[in-house]
């Protein structure tokens, strides 16, 4: 249950810095940033549900989910690029930053879980 609280807190705190950057540094943040964040939250929730159903080692679950999330993220970036969004490079950089923040969060949670398992 505490893992769910940590995830919800992370999701809620995730919007605040991008909201500030979007407000004050409009040229750095793409207009689709909120859609990018929602897509990543959706992918994160889906892969947490899928990982809970798999009967594998926890490390293998995370690596499998991370690899599939990377492939799906590349597909999502290509779809948006083919739809002809404005400033594609800015969109791709914003998407990758959000993606990397989610992966860093996922790895830090994994390391915390492994420390508890080790004890």
N, C-alpha and C. Protein backbone atom coordinates (compact mmCIF):
# COMPACT_ATOMS: atom_id res chain seq x y z
N UNK A 1 0.81 -1.20 0.00
CA UNK A 1 0.00 0.00 0.00
C UNK A 1 0.85 1.26 0.00
N UNK A 2 2.00 1.21 0.69
CA UNK A 2 2.86 2.38 0.74
C UNK A 2 3.46 2.69 -0.63
N UNK A 3 3.66 1.64 -1.44
CA UNK A 3 4.16 1.84 -2.80
C UNK A 3 3.17 2.63 -3.64
N UNK A 4 1.88 2.39 -3.44
CA UNK A 4 0.85 3.13 -4.17
C UNK A 4 0.86 4.59 -3.73
N UNK A 5 1.01 4.85 -2.43
CA UNK A 5 1.07 6.22 -1.94
C UNK A 5 2.28 6.96 -2.50
N UNK A 6 3.41 6.26 -2.58
CA UNK A 6 4.63 6.87 -3.14
C UNK A 6 4.41 7.21 -4.60
N UNK A 7 3.78 6.31 -5.35
CA UNK A 7 3.53 6.57 -6.77
C UNK A 7 2.58 7.75 -6.97
N UNK A 8 1.50 7.81 -6.21
CA UNK A 8 0.55 8.92 -6.35
C UNK A 8 1.22 10.23 -5.99
N UNK A 9 2.03 10.23 -4.94
CA UNK A 9 2.76 11.44 -4.57
C UNK A 9 3.70 11.86 -5.69
N UNK A 10 4.40 10.90 -6.26
CA UNK A 10 5.31 11.20 -7.37
C UNK A 10 4.54 11.79 -8.56
N UNK A 11 3.40 11.20 -8.90
CA UNK A 11 2.61 11.69 -10.02
C UNK A 11 2.14 13.12 -9.79
N UNK A 12 1.67 13.38 -8.59
CA UNK A 12 1.17 14.73 -8.28
C UNK A 12 2.30 15.76 -8.25
N UNK A 13 3.42 15.40 -7.68
CA UNK A 13 4.55 16.32 -7.63
C UNK A 13 5.21 16.50 -8.99
N UNK A 14 4.96 15.59 -9.88
CA UNK A 14 5.56 15.64 -11.21
C UNK A 14 5.01 16.80 -12.04
N UNK A 15 3.74 17.11 -11.85
CA UNK A 15 3.11 18.18 -12.63
C UNK A 15 3.62 19.56 -12.25
N UNK A 16 3.93 19.78 -10.98
CA UNK A 16 4.26 21.11 -10.49
C UNK A 16 5.46 21.76 -11.18
N UNK A 17 6.63 21.11 -11.27
CA UNK A 17 7.77 21.77 -11.93
C UNK A 17 7.50 22.07 -13.41
N UNK A 18 6.80 21.15 -14.08
CA UNK A 18 6.52 21.39 -15.49
C UNK A 18 5.50 22.52 -15.67
N UNK A 19 4.59 22.63 -14.71
CA UNK A 19 3.64 23.75 -14.75
C UNK A 19 4.38 25.07 -14.60
N UNK A 20 5.33 25.13 -13.66
CA UNK A 20 6.12 26.36 -13.48
C UNK A 20 6.96 26.67 -14.71
N UNK A 21 7.63 25.66 -15.24
CA UNK A 21 8.45 25.88 -16.43
C UNK A 21 7.60 26.29 -17.61
N UNK A 22 6.45 25.68 -17.75
CA UNK A 22 5.54 26.02 -18.87
C UNK A 22 5.05 27.46 -18.73
N UNK A 23 4.85 27.91 -17.50
CA UNK A 23 4.35 29.26 -17.25
C UNK A 23 5.43 30.30 -17.50
N UNK A 24 6.65 30.05 -17.02
CA UNK A 24 7.69 31.08 -17.06
C UNK A 24 8.69 30.92 -18.21
N UNK A 25 8.92 29.72 -18.67
CA UNK A 25 9.85 29.46 -19.77
C UNK A 25 9.12 28.72 -20.87
N UNK A 26 8.21 29.39 -21.51
CA UNK A 26 7.31 28.76 -22.46
C UNK A 26 8.04 28.10 -23.63
N UNK A 27 9.19 28.62 -24.03
CA UNK A 27 9.88 28.08 -25.19
C UNK A 27 10.61 26.76 -24.89
N UNK A 28 10.85 26.46 -23.61
CA UNK A 28 11.55 25.23 -23.26
C UNK A 28 10.63 24.02 -23.19
N UNK A 29 9.39 24.25 -22.82
CA UNK A 29 8.45 23.17 -22.60
C UNK A 29 7.44 23.14 -23.73
N UNK A 30 7.27 21.97 -24.32
CA UNK A 30 6.34 21.78 -25.42
C UNK A 30 4.90 21.91 -24.94
N UNK A 31 4.02 22.33 -25.82
CA UNK A 31 2.62 22.50 -25.45
C UNK A 31 1.94 21.17 -25.13
N UNK A 32 2.53 20.06 -25.53
CA UNK A 32 1.99 18.74 -25.26
C UNK A 32 2.53 18.11 -23.97
N UNK A 33 3.17 18.90 -23.11
CA UNK A 33 3.84 18.33 -21.93
C UNK A 33 2.87 17.60 -21.02
N UNK A 34 1.67 18.11 -20.86
CA UNK A 34 0.71 17.44 -19.98
C UNK A 34 0.23 16.11 -20.58
N UNK A 35 0.11 16.07 -21.89
CA UNK A 35 -0.23 14.81 -22.56
C UNK A 35 0.92 13.82 -22.40
N UNK A 36 2.16 14.30 -22.50
CA UNK A 36 3.33 13.45 -22.32
C UNK A 36 3.33 12.85 -20.92
N UNK A 37 3.08 13.68 -19.92
CA UNK A 37 3.08 13.20 -18.54
C UNK A 37 1.96 12.19 -18.32
N UNK A 38 0.78 12.47 -18.84
CA UNK A 38 -0.36 11.56 -18.67
C UNK A 38 -0.08 10.22 -19.37
N UNK A 39 0.52 10.26 -20.55
CA UNK A 39 0.88 9.02 -21.25
C UNK A 39 1.86 8.21 -20.41
N UNK A 40 2.86 8.87 -19.83
CA UNK A 40 3.84 8.15 -19.02
C UNK A 40 3.23 7.61 -17.72
N UNK A 41 2.32 8.35 -17.12
CA UNK A 41 1.63 7.83 -15.93
C UNK A 41 0.80 6.61 -16.31
N UNK A 42 0.10 6.69 -17.43
CA UNK A 42 -0.70 5.57 -17.91
C UNK A 42 0.17 4.35 -18.17
N UNK A 43 1.31 4.54 -18.85
CA UNK A 43 2.23 3.43 -19.10
C UNK A 43 2.78 2.86 -17.80
N UNK A 44 3.08 3.73 -16.85
CA UNK A 44 3.62 3.29 -15.58
C UNK A 44 2.60 2.42 -14.83
N UNK A 45 1.36 2.85 -14.79
CA UNK A 45 0.32 2.08 -14.11
C UNK A 45 0.09 0.74 -14.80
N UNK A 46 0.04 0.75 -16.12
CA UNK A 46 -0.15 -0.50 -16.87
C UNK A 46 0.97 -1.49 -16.58
N UNK A 47 2.22 -1.01 -16.60
CA UNK A 47 3.34 -1.93 -16.39
C UNK A 47 3.45 -2.37 -14.95
N UNK A 48 2.98 -1.58 -14.00
CA UNK A 48 2.95 -2.05 -12.62
C UNK A 48 1.92 -3.17 -12.46
N UNK A 49 0.80 -3.06 -13.14
CA UNK A 49 -0.22 -4.11 -13.08
C UNK A 49 0.29 -5.38 -13.76
N UNK A 50 0.90 -5.22 -14.94
CA UNK A 50 1.43 -6.38 -15.67
C UNK A 50 2.55 -7.05 -14.88
N UNK A 51 3.44 -6.24 -14.29
CA UNK A 51 4.55 -6.81 -13.53
C UNK A 51 4.07 -7.57 -12.30
N UNK A 52 2.97 -7.12 -11.72
CA UNK A 52 2.46 -7.83 -10.54
C UNK A 52 1.88 -9.20 -10.91
N UNK A 53 1.48 -9.37 -12.17
CA UNK A 53 0.90 -10.64 -12.63
C UNK A 53 1.97 -11.64 -13.09
N UNK A 54 3.18 -11.14 -13.40
CA UNK A 54 4.24 -12.02 -13.88
C UNK A 54 4.88 -12.79 -12.74
N UNK A 55 5.28 -14.03 -13.03
CA UNK A 55 5.93 -14.86 -12.03
C UNK A 55 7.42 -14.92 -12.35
N UNK A 56 8.10 -13.80 -12.11
CA UNK A 56 9.53 -13.70 -12.37
C UNK A 56 10.21 -13.06 -11.17
N UNK A 57 11.52 -13.04 -11.26
CA UNK A 57 12.31 -12.31 -10.29
C UNK A 57 11.98 -10.82 -10.42
N UNK A 58 12.04 -10.08 -9.30
CA UNK A 58 11.65 -8.67 -9.32
C UNK A 58 12.55 -7.85 -10.25
N UNK A 59 13.82 -8.18 -10.31
CA UNK A 59 14.75 -7.43 -11.18
C UNK A 59 14.41 -7.70 -12.63
N UNK A 60 14.13 -8.94 -12.97
CA UNK A 60 13.75 -9.29 -14.34
C UNK A 60 12.44 -8.62 -14.74
N UNK A 61 11.51 -8.51 -13.80
CA UNK A 61 10.24 -7.81 -14.06
C UNK A 61 10.50 -6.35 -14.43
N UNK A 62 11.35 -5.69 -13.66
CA UNK A 62 11.61 -4.27 -13.91
C UNK A 62 12.32 -4.08 -15.24
N UNK A 63 13.30 -4.92 -15.54
CA UNK A 63 14.01 -4.79 -16.81
C UNK A 63 13.10 -5.07 -18.00
N UNK A 64 12.24 -6.06 -17.87
CA UNK A 64 11.29 -6.36 -18.95
C UNK A 64 10.33 -5.21 -19.16
N UNK A 65 9.78 -4.69 -18.07
CA UNK A 65 8.85 -3.57 -18.16
C UNK A 65 9.54 -2.33 -18.72
N UNK A 66 10.78 -2.09 -18.33
CA UNK A 66 11.52 -0.93 -18.83
C UNK A 66 11.79 -1.06 -20.33
N UNK A 67 12.16 -2.25 -20.78
CA UNK A 67 12.41 -2.45 -22.21
C UNK A 67 11.14 -2.26 -23.03
N UNK A 68 10.04 -2.85 -22.58
CA UNK A 68 8.78 -2.71 -23.32
C UNK A 68 8.31 -1.25 -23.29
N UNK A 69 8.49 -0.58 -22.16
CA UNK A 69 8.12 0.84 -22.06
C UNK A 69 8.96 1.69 -23.02
N UNK A 70 10.24 1.35 -23.16
CA UNK A 70 11.10 2.07 -24.10
C UNK A 70 10.60 1.89 -25.53
N UNK A 71 10.27 0.66 -25.90
CA UNK A 71 9.77 0.41 -27.26
C UNK A 71 8.46 1.15 -27.49
N UNK A 72 7.55 1.09 -26.54
CA UNK A 72 6.27 1.80 -26.69
C UNK A 72 6.48 3.32 -26.73
N UNK A 73 7.44 3.82 -25.97
CA UNK A 73 7.72 5.25 -25.99
C UNK A 73 8.25 5.69 -27.35
N UNK A 74 9.10 4.88 -27.94
CA UNK A 74 9.60 5.20 -29.28
C UNK A 74 8.46 5.20 -30.29
N UNK A 75 7.55 4.24 -30.16
CA UNK A 75 6.39 4.20 -31.05
C UNK A 75 5.51 5.44 -30.86
N UNK A 76 5.30 5.84 -29.61
CA UNK A 76 4.49 7.04 -29.33
C UNK A 76 5.14 8.29 -29.91
N UNK A 77 6.45 8.40 -29.77
CA UNK A 77 7.17 9.55 -30.34
C UNK A 77 7.01 9.56 -31.86
N UNK A 78 7.15 8.41 -32.49
CA UNK A 78 6.98 8.33 -33.95
C UNK A 78 5.56 8.70 -34.38
N UNK A 79 4.57 8.26 -33.62
CA UNK A 79 3.18 8.60 -33.95
C UNK A 79 2.97 10.11 -33.89
N UNK A 80 3.45 10.74 -32.82
CA UNK A 80 3.30 12.19 -32.71
C UNK A 80 4.06 12.91 -33.82
N UNK A 81 5.24 12.38 -34.16
CA UNK A 81 6.02 13.00 -35.23
C UNK A 81 5.29 12.88 -36.58
N UNK A 82 4.70 11.71 -36.83
CA UNK A 82 3.97 11.52 -38.08
C UNK A 82 2.68 12.34 -38.13
N UNK A 83 2.12 12.65 -36.97
CA UNK A 83 0.93 13.51 -36.93
C UNK A 83 1.27 14.96 -37.24
N UNK A 84 2.54 15.28 -37.26
CA UNK A 84 2.98 16.60 -37.67
C UNK A 84 2.89 17.66 -36.58
N UNK A 85 3.36 17.33 -35.37
CA UNK A 85 3.33 18.32 -34.31
C UNK A 85 4.36 19.40 -34.59
N UNK A 86 4.13 20.58 -34.05
CA UNK A 86 5.09 21.66 -34.22
C UNK A 86 6.27 21.44 -33.27
N UNK A 87 7.44 21.85 -33.69
CA UNK A 87 8.70 21.70 -32.95
C UNK A 87 8.91 20.27 -32.45
N UNK A 88 9.15 19.39 -33.40
CA UNK A 88 9.32 17.96 -33.08
C UNK A 88 10.50 17.71 -32.14
N UNK A 89 11.59 18.41 -32.34
CA UNK A 89 12.77 18.20 -31.49
C UNK A 89 12.46 18.56 -30.04
N UNK A 90 11.75 19.65 -29.84
CA UNK A 90 11.36 20.05 -28.49
C UNK A 90 10.45 18.99 -27.87
N UNK A 91 9.52 18.46 -28.65
CA UNK A 91 8.62 17.41 -28.15
C UNK A 91 9.41 16.17 -27.76
N UNK A 92 10.34 15.75 -28.63
CA UNK A 92 11.13 14.55 -28.36
C UNK A 92 11.98 14.73 -27.11
N UNK A 93 12.62 15.88 -26.96
CA UNK A 93 13.43 16.13 -25.76
C UNK A 93 12.57 16.15 -24.50
N UNK A 94 11.41 16.79 -24.56
CA UNK A 94 10.51 16.82 -23.41
C UNK A 94 10.04 15.41 -23.06
N UNK A 95 9.70 14.63 -24.08
CA UNK A 95 9.24 13.26 -23.83
C UNK A 95 10.35 12.43 -23.19
N UNK A 96 11.56 12.55 -23.70
CA UNK A 96 12.66 11.76 -23.16
C UNK A 96 13.02 12.17 -21.74
N UNK A 97 12.92 13.45 -21.42
CA UNK A 97 13.17 13.91 -20.05
C UNK A 97 12.14 13.30 -19.10
N UNK A 98 10.88 13.35 -19.48
CA UNK A 98 9.83 12.77 -18.63
C UNK A 98 10.04 11.26 -18.52
N UNK A 99 10.36 10.61 -19.62
CA UNK A 99 10.61 9.16 -19.62
C UNK A 99 11.76 8.82 -18.67
N UNK A 100 12.85 9.56 -18.76
CA UNK A 100 14.00 9.29 -17.90
C UNK A 100 13.68 9.53 -16.43
N UNK A 101 12.89 10.55 -16.13
CA UNK A 101 12.50 10.78 -14.74
C UNK A 101 11.67 9.62 -14.20
N UNK A 102 10.78 9.08 -15.01
CA UNK A 102 10.00 7.92 -14.59
C UNK A 102 10.89 6.71 -14.39
N UNK A 103 11.87 6.50 -15.26
CA UNK A 103 12.77 5.35 -15.13
C UNK A 103 13.65 5.50 -13.89
N UNK A 104 14.15 6.70 -13.64
CA UNK A 104 14.96 6.93 -12.44
C UNK A 104 14.13 6.66 -11.19
N UNK A 105 12.88 7.11 -11.19
CA UNK A 105 11.99 6.85 -10.07
C UNK A 105 11.78 5.34 -9.90
N UNK A 106 11.57 4.64 -10.99
CA UNK A 106 11.34 3.19 -10.94
C UNK A 106 12.57 2.47 -10.40
N UNK A 107 13.75 2.86 -10.83
CA UNK A 107 14.98 2.22 -10.36
C UNK A 107 15.22 2.51 -8.88
N UNK A 108 14.93 3.73 -8.45
CA UNK A 108 15.11 4.05 -7.03
C UNK A 108 14.16 3.24 -6.16
N UNK A 109 12.92 3.05 -6.61
CA UNK A 109 11.97 2.21 -5.87
C UNK A 109 12.46 0.77 -5.84
N UNK A 110 13.01 0.29 -6.96
CA UNK A 110 13.55 -1.07 -7.01
C UNK A 110 14.69 -1.23 -6.00
N UNK A 111 15.58 -0.26 -5.95
CA UNK A 111 16.70 -0.35 -5.01
C UNK A 111 16.22 -0.33 -3.57
N UNK A 112 15.22 0.49 -3.27
CA UNK A 112 14.65 0.50 -1.92
C UNK A 112 14.02 -0.85 -1.58
N UNK A 113 13.32 -1.44 -2.52
CA UNK A 113 12.72 -2.76 -2.28
C UNK A 113 13.78 -3.83 -2.08
N UNK A 114 14.85 -3.76 -2.85
CA UNK A 114 15.92 -4.75 -2.70
C UNK A 114 16.63 -4.62 -1.36
N UNK A 115 16.74 -3.40 -0.85
CA UNK A 115 17.34 -3.22 0.48
C UNK A 115 16.47 -3.85 1.55
N UNK A 116 15.16 -3.72 1.41
CA UNK A 116 14.25 -4.32 2.39
C UNK A 116 14.26 -5.85 2.29
N UNK A 117 14.39 -6.37 1.09
CA UNK A 117 14.44 -7.83 0.90
C UNK A 117 15.74 -8.38 1.49
N UNK A 118 16.84 -7.64 1.33
CA UNK A 118 18.15 -8.09 1.81
C UNK A 118 18.17 -8.19 3.34
N UNK A 119 17.47 -7.30 4.02
CA UNK A 119 17.47 -7.29 5.49
C UNK A 119 16.64 -8.37 6.01
